Amino acid sequence: MDNIIKELESLAIPIDSIKLDERNARQHPEANLDAIRRSLEHYGQRKPIVVRQQDMIIEAGNGLWMAARELGWDQVAAVMVEDDPTDATGYAIMDNQSALLAEWD
C-alpha cells in the first residue's frame, strides 16, 4: 500500500471491486488522466474516492480510479456511502460542478 498515504490505508479496498459510473457527466481525456497519474506517482492517494456501497459504483473519483488502474494499483482508498440513485447522481454532479465555481486568487 505504498501508493496510499498512511492515514487512508484503513479505507483501502480492491480496485477491481469498484465500477466506473457509466453515466458520469465528466469525461477524462488523456491529458487529464496523465495529470492524475503524475500526481498519484508523486504524491500517492491523499483523498478517498466515494463509492455507493449497494452497487460499488463510483460517485466521486472516476478519474483517480482510472489513473490508478492504469498505474497497476490493486487497491484504492474509498469511502462507502448508502445513497439512493437520486442522491448519488446529485452528489456526483455537485462534486464535479462545485470545483468549476471556485475562483483563483
Protein backbone atom coordinates (compact mmCIF):
# COMPACT_ATOMS: atom_id res chain seq x y z
CA MET A 1 0.00 0.00 0.00
CA ASP A 2 2.88 2.36 -0.66
CA ASN A 3 0.66 4.34 -3.03
CA ILE A 4 -1.92 5.30 -0.40
CA ILE A 5 -0.95 7.65 2.42
CA LYS A 6 -0.88 6.05 5.85
CA GLU A 7 -3.95 7.91 7.10
CA LEU A 8 -6.11 6.36 4.35
CA GLU A 9 -4.79 2.80 4.48
CA SER A 10 -7.74 1.59 6.57
CA LEU A 11 -10.06 2.61 3.70
CA ALA A 12 -8.22 0.56 1.06
CA ILE A 13 -10.31 -1.88 -0.97
CA PRO A 14 -9.55 -3.94 -4.09
CA ILE A 15 -9.61 -1.66 -7.13
CA ASP A 16 -11.39 -4.30 -9.20
CA SER A 17 -14.30 -4.40 -6.74
CA ILE A 18 -15.29 -0.86 -7.83
CA LYS A 19 -17.09 0.12 -11.03
CA LEU A 20 -16.97 3.31 -13.04
CA ASP A 21 -20.15 5.35 -13.22
CA GLU A 22 -21.11 4.86 -16.86
CA ARG A 23 -23.36 7.93 -16.56
CA ASN A 24 -20.60 10.15 -15.19
CA ALA A 25 -21.08 13.59 -16.71
CA ARG A 26 -17.33 14.34 -16.76
CA GLN A 27 -15.04 12.89 -19.38
CA HIS A 28 -11.39 12.15 -18.68
CA PRO A 29 -9.30 12.77 -21.79
CA GLU A 30 -5.72 11.55 -21.90
CA ALA A 31 -4.28 14.89 -20.78
CA ASN A 32 -6.45 14.79 -17.66
CA LEU A 33 -5.57 11.17 -16.88
CA ASP A 34 -1.88 11.91 -17.44
CA ALA A 35 -2.04 14.73 -14.88
CA ILE A 36 -3.79 12.47 -12.36
CA ARG A 37 -1.29 9.64 -12.97
CA ARG A 38 1.65 12.01 -12.43
CA SER A 39 0.06 13.29 -9.23
CA LEU A 40 -0.54 9.77 -7.93
CA GLU A 41 3.03 8.75 -8.78
CA HIS A 42 4.48 11.78 -6.98
CA TYR A 43 2.09 12.28 -4.04
CA GLY A 44 0.19 9.00 -3.74
CA GLN A 45 -3.51 8.90 -2.98
CA ARG A 46 -4.29 11.63 -0.47
CA LYS A 47 -8.08 11.66 -0.58
CA PRO A 48 -10.52 8.77 -0.88
CA ILE A 49 -12.90 8.20 -3.73
CA VAL A 50 -16.63 7.97 -2.90
CA VAL A 51 -18.35 4.67 -3.71
CA ARG A 52 -22.01 3.73 -3.42
CA GLN A 53 -21.93 0.57 -1.34
CA GLN A 54 -25.07 -1.04 -2.82
CA ASP A 55 -23.61 -1.44 -6.32
CA MET A 56 -19.95 -0.39 -5.84
CA ILE A 57 -20.30 2.42 -8.40
CA ILE A 58 -18.08 5.47 -8.03
CA GLU A 59 -19.88 8.70 -7.14
CA ALA A 60 -16.73 10.83 -6.99
CA GLY A 61 -13.26 9.92 -8.16
CA ASN A 62 -13.75 8.24 -11.53
CA GLY A 63 -10.59 9.85 -12.95
CA LEU A 64 -8.50 8.88 -9.94
CA TRP A 65 -9.75 5.28 -10.20
CA MET A 66 -8.97 5.15 -13.93
CA ALA A 67 -5.47 6.54 -13.44
CA ALA A 68 -4.71 4.23 -10.50
CA ARG A 69 -5.78 1.20 -12.56
CA GLU A 70 -3.57 2.31 -15.44
CA LEU A 71 -0.67 2.54 -12.97
CA GLY A 72 -1.32 -1.07 -11.96
CA TRP A 73 -2.59 -0.36 -8.45
CA ASP A 74 -4.51 -3.20 -6.88
CA GLN A 75 -6.15 -1.10 -4.13
CA VAL A 76 -7.55 2.41 -3.66
CA ALA A 77 -8.90 4.18 -0.60
CA ALA A 78 -12.66 4.60 -0.75
CA VAL A 79 -15.41 5.95 1.47
CA MET A 80 -18.58 3.88 1.23
CA VAL A 81 -21.95 5.63 1.20
CA GLU A 82 -25.52 4.35 1.13
CA ASP A 83 -27.07 6.85 -1.27
CA ASP A 84 -30.20 6.16 -3.28
CA PRO A 85 -29.83 6.72 -7.06
CA THR A 86 -31.15 10.30 -6.85
CA ASP A 87 -28.72 11.33 -4.10
CA ALA A 88 -25.87 9.51 -5.87
CA THR A 89 -26.49 11.48 -9.07
CA GLY A 90 -26.92 14.74 -7.18
CA TYR A 91 -23.69 14.27 -5.25
CA ALA A 92 -21.74 13.34 -8.38
CA ILE A 93 -22.97 16.49 -10.14
CA MET A 94 -22.22 18.68 -7.12
CA ASP A 95 -18.73 17.19 -6.77
CA ASN A 96 -17.91 17.93 -10.39
CA GLN A 97 -19.62 21.31 -10.63
CA SER A 98 -18.52 22.89 -7.35
CA ALA A 99 -14.86 23.00 -8.42
CA LEU A 100 -15.85 24.88 -11.57
CA LEU A 101 -17.48 27.60 -9.48
CA ALA A 102 -14.32 28.31 -7.46
CA GLU A 103 -12.11 31.25 -8.38
CA TRP A 104 -8.34 31.59 -8.37
CA ASP A 105 -6.75 34.18 -6.08
